[in-house]
């Protein structure tokens, strides 16, 4: 029998081929019901994964959904730090991720040992960390934020309170500009949001003069300076629904365009070009997840995410503080 290597997922020590005749969507729905499992998916997932998810959202919405779910199994179609967050909030539930290699360039840009040393040099500073970080970084943090609530959380502290913001320097700089703060920024960034080309977006705007430029605050400052609207993934989506324009240049990961098109089928959405010729406005980590891997993860209940208890209990505190401040 020939095996399609693209449809093989490593489960334990066994290579498990997926029967190409399977109705994967039907099988995933069956397994979810049979195992009382919930499928949470980020907006940056492939469209077919979004279409079968029980909940689709950005990091804040996904954390809120993970906190309140009654499911026995949480299958997280996203990247590693998102599944870790679900496990931190649900130590007694089984948390699965379709592909353990689905990491995050932003989270990787902040190694825990180096950050701990950086924090120790500034003992008078409190730490606000963007949710796009590892459990170890969360455990070194006073309060977590997302792009949806970052300004609100920063402004919950007195203006004279020194703050370290990690790991995203671009989001941190944007918040500094919005709030008039002078937070100390860790030098981290997202590979996708840093690769957009100002020159190419400007040329694209010439060809689409009526298009509005909408951008995620993880983008670099020159991109944000030309944007008509800046917001979290959910805020960008909502803006395209309520705004009067019919054409948008979207400066974030392309996965969100699926929901934009579904909610506003009469509008045109143009993905912003990167500064090279590859599809680098797609997150390669997010796109590792597939329907085949979701089916296998539910079938074998692997790969499972675990967070050691000392780290989990420390990381839980800033997460709960964020969720409380976000109500």
Protein backbone atom coordinates (compact mmCIF):
# COMPACT_ATOMS: atom_id res chain seq x y z
CA UNK A 1 0.00 0.00 0.00
CA UNK A 2 1.30 3.45 -0.87
CA UNK A 3 1.35 5.95 1.98
CA UNK A 4 0.88 9.66 1.39
CA UNK A 5 3.66 11.08 3.56
CA UNK A 6 1.87 14.42 3.85
CA UNK A 7 -0.98 12.63 5.62
CA UNK A 8 1.22 10.92 8.19
CA UNK A 9 1.48 12.21 11.75
CA UNK A 10 3.93 10.90 14.32
CA UNK A 11 1.88 9.52 17.22
CA UNK A 12 4.09 8.04 19.91
CA UNK A 13 6.57 5.88 18.02
CA UNK A 14 4.15 4.83 15.27
CA UNK A 15 3.68 6.35 11.82
CA UNK A 16 -0.07 6.44 11.33
CA UNK A 17 -1.37 6.94 7.78
CA UNK A 18 -4.75 8.59 7.32
CA UNK A 19 -7.19 6.80 5.03
CA UNK A 20 -7.66 9.23 2.11
CA UNK A 21 -11.28 8.10 1.70
CA UNK A 22 -12.25 9.26 5.19
CA UNK A 23 -14.71 12.11 5.53
CA UNK A 24 -12.44 14.01 7.91
CA UNK A 25 -14.98 16.65 8.87
CA UNK A 26 -17.57 14.01 9.77
CA UNK A 27 -15.01 11.95 11.70
CA UNK A 28 -13.77 14.98 13.64
CA UNK A 29 -17.36 15.90 14.57
CA UNK A 30 -17.98 12.30 15.68
CA UNK A 31 -14.85 12.18 17.81
CA UNK A 32 -15.58 15.54 19.42
CA UNK A 33 -19.01 14.33 20.49
CA UNK A 34 -17.78 10.89 21.56
CA UNK A 35 -14.95 12.29 23.69
CA UNK A 36 -16.59 15.52 24.89
CA UNK A 37 -13.88 17.50 23.14
CA UNK A 38 -13.90 21.12 22.04
CA UNK A 39 -11.94 22.43 19.05
CA UNK A 40 -10.64 25.97 19.54
CA UNK A 41 -9.07 27.64 16.51
CA UNK A 42 -7.21 30.88 15.95
CA UNK A 43 -8.17 33.19 13.10
CA UNK A 44 -4.84 32.40 11.43
CA UNK A 45 -5.70 28.75 10.83
CA UNK A 46 -6.53 27.40 7.38
CA UNK A 47 -10.14 28.07 6.33
CA UNK A 48 -11.23 24.41 6.52
CA UNK A 49 -10.11 24.26 10.17
CA UNK A 50 -11.92 27.49 10.99
CA UNK A 51 -15.09 26.07 9.43
CA UNK A 52 -15.21 23.04 11.74
CA UNK A 53 -14.05 24.76 14.95
CA UNK A 54 -16.38 25.15 17.92
CA UNK A 55 -14.91 28.58 18.55
CA UNK A 56 -12.76 30.86 16.39
CA UNK A 57 -11.04 33.86 17.91
CA UNK A 58 -7.96 35.86 18.78
CA UNK A 59 -5.75 35.20 21.79
CA UNK A 60 -8.02 36.95 24.30
CA UNK A 61 -11.19 35.27 23.09
CA UNK A 62 -9.50 31.88 22.99
CA UNK A 63 -8.20 32.27 26.55
CA UNK A 64 -11.67 33.28 27.74
CA UNK A 65 -13.22 30.32 25.95
CA UNK A 66 -10.62 27.92 27.36
CA UNK A 67 -11.33 29.22 30.86
CA UNK A 68 -15.07 28.53 30.71
CA UNK A 69 -15.27 25.32 28.65
CA UNK A 70 -16.92 22.25 30.17
CA UNK A 71 -15.25 19.89 27.71
CA UNK A 72 -13.01 17.07 28.95
CA UNK A 73 -10.57 17.55 26.07
CA UNK A 74 -9.42 20.86 24.58
CA UNK A 75 -7.93 20.53 21.10
CA UNK A 76 -6.15 23.76 20.25
CA UNK A 77 -5.71 24.53 16.56
CA UNK A 78 -3.19 27.28 16.99
CA UNK A 79 0.40 27.39 18.20
CA UNK A 80 2.17 26.00 21.25
CA UNK A 81 1.82 28.97 23.63
CA UNK A 82 -1.95 29.02 23.04
CA UNK A 83 -2.31 25.37 24.03
CA UNK A 84 -0.05 26.04 27.03
CA UNK A 85 -2.37 28.87 28.07
CA UNK A 86 -5.34 26.50 27.93
CA UNK A 87 -3.46 23.98 30.09
CA UNK A 88 -2.45 26.66 32.62
CA UNK A 89 -6.13 27.53 32.98
CA UNK A 90 -7.29 23.88 32.99
CA UNK A 91 -4.78 21.66 34.82
CA UNK A 92 -7.26 18.78 35.11
CA UNK A 93 -8.28 18.74 31.45
CA UNK A 94 -6.46 17.07 28.60
CA UNK A 95 -5.10 19.69 26.20
CA UNK A 96 -4.03 18.58 22.72
CA UNK A 97 -2.31 20.35 19.84
CA UNK A 98 -2.32 18.93 16.29
CA UNK A 99 1.41 19.47 15.73
CA UNK A 100 3.99 19.99 18.48
CA UNK A 101 6.21 21.84 16.00
CA UNK A 102 3.65 24.65 15.74
CA UNK A 103 5.70 27.18 17.67
CA UNK A 104 5.85 30.97 17.59
CA UNK A 105 8.70 33.19 16.41
CA UNK A 106 7.64 35.90 18.87
CA UNK A 107 7.61 33.54 21.84
CA UNK A 108 10.98 32.13 20.73
CA UNK A 109 12.46 35.65 20.71
CA UNK A 110 12.24 35.79 24.51
CA UNK A 111 14.29 32.99 26.13
CA UNK A 112 13.27 32.56 29.81
CA UNK A 113 16.79 32.56 31.28
CA UNK A 114 17.80 35.72 29.42
CA UNK A 115 14.55 37.43 30.34
CA UNK A 116 14.93 36.51 34.01
CA UNK A 117 18.37 38.18 34.00
CA UNK A 118 16.93 41.24 32.25
CA UNK A 119 14.11 41.47 34.80
CA UNK A 120 16.58 41.17 37.71
CA UNK A 121 18.40 44.29 36.49
CA UNK A 122 15.20 46.33 36.89
CA UNK A 123 13.74 45.32 40.28
CA UNK A 124 11.54 48.41 40.51
CA UNK A 125 9.69 47.51 37.28
CA UNK A 126 6.55 45.43 37.06
CA UNK A 127 6.29 43.09 34.07
CA UNK A 128 3.48 43.12 31.52
CA UNK A 129 3.85 40.33 28.98
CA UNK A 130 1.99 39.86 25.74
CA UNK A 131 0.20 36.51 25.75
CA UNK A 132 2.41 35.39 22.83
CA UNK A 133 5.06 34.02 25.17
CA UNK A 134 5.99 30.75 26.83
CA UNK A 135 4.63 29.50 30.15
CA UNK A 136 8.05 30.26 31.69
CA UNK A 137 7.80 33.92 30.68
CA UNK A 138 4.24 34.10 31.98
CA UNK A 139 5.54 32.77 35.31
CA UNK A 140 7.94 35.76 35.45
CA UNK A 141 5.14 38.23 34.71
CA UNK A 142 2.82 40.39 36.83
CA UNK A 143 0.00 40.60 34.31
CA UNK A 144 -0.59 39.24 30.81
CA UNK A 145 -2.16 41.25 28.00
CA UNK A 146 -3.32 40.69 24.43
CA UNK A 147 -3.46 43.16 21.57
CA UNK A 148 -7.18 43.54 22.37
CA UNK A 149 -6.67 44.75 25.93
CA UNK A 150 -3.03 45.91 26.11
CA UNK A 151 -3.78 49.64 26.33
CA UNK A 152 -6.43 49.07 29.01
CA UNK A 153 -4.10 46.91 31.09
CA UNK A 154 -1.14 49.28 30.83
CA UNK A 155 -3.37 52.19 31.84
CA UNK A 156 -4.59 50.25 34.90
CA UNK A 157 -1.20 51.03 36.47
CA UNK A 158 -0.16 54.50 37.78
CA UNK A 159 1.70 56.60 35.24
CA UNK A 160 4.79 56.71 37.45
CA UNK A 161 4.98 52.89 37.71
CA UNK A 162 8.05 51.62 35.77
CA UNK A 163 7.03 48.81 33.42
CA UNK A 164 8.88 46.16 31.43
CA UNK A 165 6.88 45.12 28.37
CA UNK A 166 7.71 41.82 26.69
CA UNK A 167 8.23 40.22 24.28
CA UNK A 168 6.93 42.33 21.35
CA UNK A 169 8.83 45.58 20.84
CA UNK A 170 6.45 46.75 18.09
CA UNK A 171 3.30 46.30 20.16
CA UNK A 172 5.11 47.85 23.12
CA UNK A 173 6.14 50.89 21.07
CA UNK A 174 2.58 51.29 19.81
CA UNK A 175 1.25 51.20 23.39
CA UNK A 176 3.88 53.71 24.51
CA UNK A 177 2.72 56.06 21.76
CA UNK A 178 -0.97 55.54 22.61
CA UNK A 179 -0.57 55.99 26.37
CA UNK A 180 2.35 58.41 26.63
CA UNK A 181 4.28 55.84 28.66
CA UNK A 182 7.95 55.00 28.45
CA UNK A 183 7.86 51.26 29.07
CA UNK A 184 11.12 49.36 28.85
CA UNK A 185 10.75 47.05 25.84
CA UNK A 186 12.16 43.58 25.34
CA UNK A 187 13.62 43.28 21.83
CA UNK A 188 11.30 40.62 20.40
CA UNK A 189 9.08 40.52 17.31
CA UNK A 190 6.82 38.36 15.14
CA UNK A 191 8.43 37.19 11.91
CA UNK A 192 5.18 37.63 9.96
CA UNK A 193 4.33 41.13 11.14
CA UNK A 194 7.89 42.39 10.67
CA UNK A 195 8.17 41.32 7.05
CA UNK A 196 5.52 43.55 5.47
CA UNK A 197 6.94 45.94 2.89
CA UNK A 198 6.12 49.63 3.29
CA UNK A 199 7.17 50.26 -0.32
CA UNK A 200 4.98 47.49 -1.73
CA UNK A 201 1.98 48.47 0.41
CA UNK A 202 2.36 52.08 -0.77
CA UNK A 203 2.41 50.93 -4.40
CA UNK A 204 -0.61 48.71 -3.76
CA UNK A 205 -2.45 51.71 -2.36
CA UNK A 206 -1.75 53.61 -5.60
CA UNK A 207 -3.50 50.85 -7.56
CA UNK A 208 -6.34 50.70 -5.02
CA UNK A 209 -6.81 54.34 -3.96
CA UNK A 210 -10.14 53.68 -2.26
CA UNK A 211 -8.83 50.79 -0.17
CA UNK A 212 -8.30 51.38 3.53
CA UNK A 213 -5.11 50.05 5.11
CA UNK A 214 -5.83 48.13 8.31
CA UNK A 215 -2.97 46.78 10.41
CA UNK A 216 -2.20 44.73 13.50
CA UNK A 217 -0.13 46.58 16.16
CA UNK A 218 2.58 43.91 15.95
CA UNK A 219 3.63 45.60 12.69
CA UNK A 220 6.56 48.01 12.59
CA UNK A 221 5.92 51.72 13.20
CA UNK A 222 6.27 52.90 9.55
CA UNK A 223 3.47 50.49 8.57
CA UNK A 224 1.27 51.65 11.45
CA UNK A 225 1.91 55.29 10.48
CA UNK A 226 0.13 54.82 7.14
CA UNK A 227 -2.71 52.66 8.47
CA UNK A 228 -6.29 53.92 8.47
CA UNK A 229 -7.11 51.60 11.36
CA UNK A 230 -4.94 49.68 13.86
CA UNK A 231 -6.33 46.90 16.00
CA UNK A 232 -6.24 43.33 17.25
CA UNK A 233 -7.29 40.55 14.91
CA UNK A 234 -10.85 40.68 16.21
CA UNK A 235 -10.90 44.48 16.05
CA UNK A 236 -9.75 44.38 12.42
CA UNK A 237 -12.50 41.90 11.58
CA UNK A 238 -15.18 43.94 13.34
CA UNK A 239 -13.97 47.13 11.66
CA UNK A 240 -14.41 45.64 8.19
CA UNK A 241 -17.98 44.66 9.08
CA UNK A 242 -19.07 48.07 10.40
CA UNK A 243 -16.95 50.40 8.23
CA UNK A 244 -18.40 51.91 5.05
CA UNK A 245 -15.44 51.14 2.78
CA UNK A 246 -15.68 48.21 0.40
CA UNK A 247 -11.96 47.54 -0.15
CA UNK A 248 -9.21 46.87 2.40
CA UNK A 249 -5.48 46.19 2.36
CA UNK A 250 -5.07 43.84 5.32
CA UNK A 251 -1.70 43.98 7.09
CA UNK A 252 -1.69 40.88 9.24
CA UNK A 253 -1.57 37.10 8.78
CA UNK A 254 -3.77 36.07 5.85
CA UNK A 255 -5.90 33.57 7.78
CA UNK A 256 -8.21 36.35 8.97
CA UNK A 257 -9.30 37.10 5.38
CA UNK A 258 -11.50 33.98 5.43
CA UNK A 259 -13.68 35.38 8.21
CA UNK A 260 -13.66 38.86 6.69
CA UNK A 261 -14.91 37.49 3.39
CA UNK A 262 -17.56 35.35 5.10
CA UNK A 263 -18.91 38.30 7.07
CA UNK A 264 -18.71 40.81 4.19
CA UNK A 265 -18.94 38.85 0.92
CA UNK A 266 -19.59 42.06 -1.05
CA UNK A 267 -16.26 43.59 0.01
CA UNK A 268 -12.72 43.09 -1.32
CA UNK A 269 -9.82 42.11 0.94
CA UNK A 270 -6.24 42.35 -0.31
CA UNK A 271 -3.43 40.69 1.69
CA UNK A 272 -0.54 43.09 2.24
CA UNK A 273 2.65 42.00 0.45
CA UNK A 274 5.84 40.98 2.27
CA UNK A 275 9.24 42.39 1.35
CA UNK A 276 10.24 39.27 -0.59
CA UNK A 277 8.66 36.82 -3.01
CA UNK A 278 7.64 34.07 -0.58
CA UNK A 279 4.30 33.66 1.21
CA UNK A 280 5.74 35.08 4.40
CA UNK A 281 2.52 36.84 5.32
CA UNK A 282 1.35 33.33 6.21
CA UNK A 283 2.57 32.10 9.60
CA UNK A 284 4.44 28.85 8.85
CA UNK A 285 3.77 27.62 12.40
CA UNK A 286 0.02 28.23 12.27
CA UNK A 287 -0.16 26.53 8.90
CA UNK A 288 1.40 23.29 10.21
CA UNK A 289 -2.01 22.27 11.52
CA UNK A 290 -4.21 20.27 9.13
CA UNK A 291 -7.52 18.40 9.25
CA UNK A 292 -5.56 15.13 9.13
CA UNK A 293 -3.54 16.09 12.21
CA UNK A 294 -6.68 17.22 14.05
CA UNK A 295 -8.31 13.87 13.31
CA UNK A 296 -5.24 11.96 14.53
CA UNK A 297 -4.90 14.10 17.66
CA UNK A 298 -8.51 13.35 18.61
CA UNK A 299 -8.18 9.67 17.74
CA UNK A 300 -5.01 9.05 19.77
CA UNK A 301 -5.35 11.96 22.23
CA UNK A 302 -1.82 13.02 21.38
CA UNK A 303 0.26 15.17 21.25
CA UNK A 304 -0.71 16.30 24.74
CA UNK A 305 0.47 19.57 26.29
CA UNK A 306 1.73 19.56 29.85
CA UNK A 307 3.04 22.42 32.00
CA UNK A 308 5.01 21.56 35.18
CA UNK A 309 3.01 22.56 38.25
CA UNK A 310 5.44 25.11 39.75
CA UNK A 311 5.49 27.00 36.44
CA UNK A 312 1.76 26.52 35.84
CA UNK A 313 0.73 27.91 39.22
CA UNK A 314 2.99 30.96 38.81
CA UNK A 315 1.83 31.55 35.21
CA UNK A 316 -1.81 31.26 36.26
CA UNK A 317 -1.71 34.40 38.41
CA UNK A 318 -0.98 36.94 35.64
CA UNK A 319 -3.39 35.17 33.29
CA UNK A 320 -6.24 35.37 35.79
CA UNK A 321 -5.39 39.01 36.44
CA UNK A 322 -5.69 39.71 32.71
CA UNK A 323 -9.01 37.91 32.45
CA UNK A 324 -10.34 39.82 35.44
CA UNK A 325 -9.22 43.17 34.01
CA UNK A 326 -10.78 42.26 30.65
CA UNK A 327 -14.32 41.81 31.95
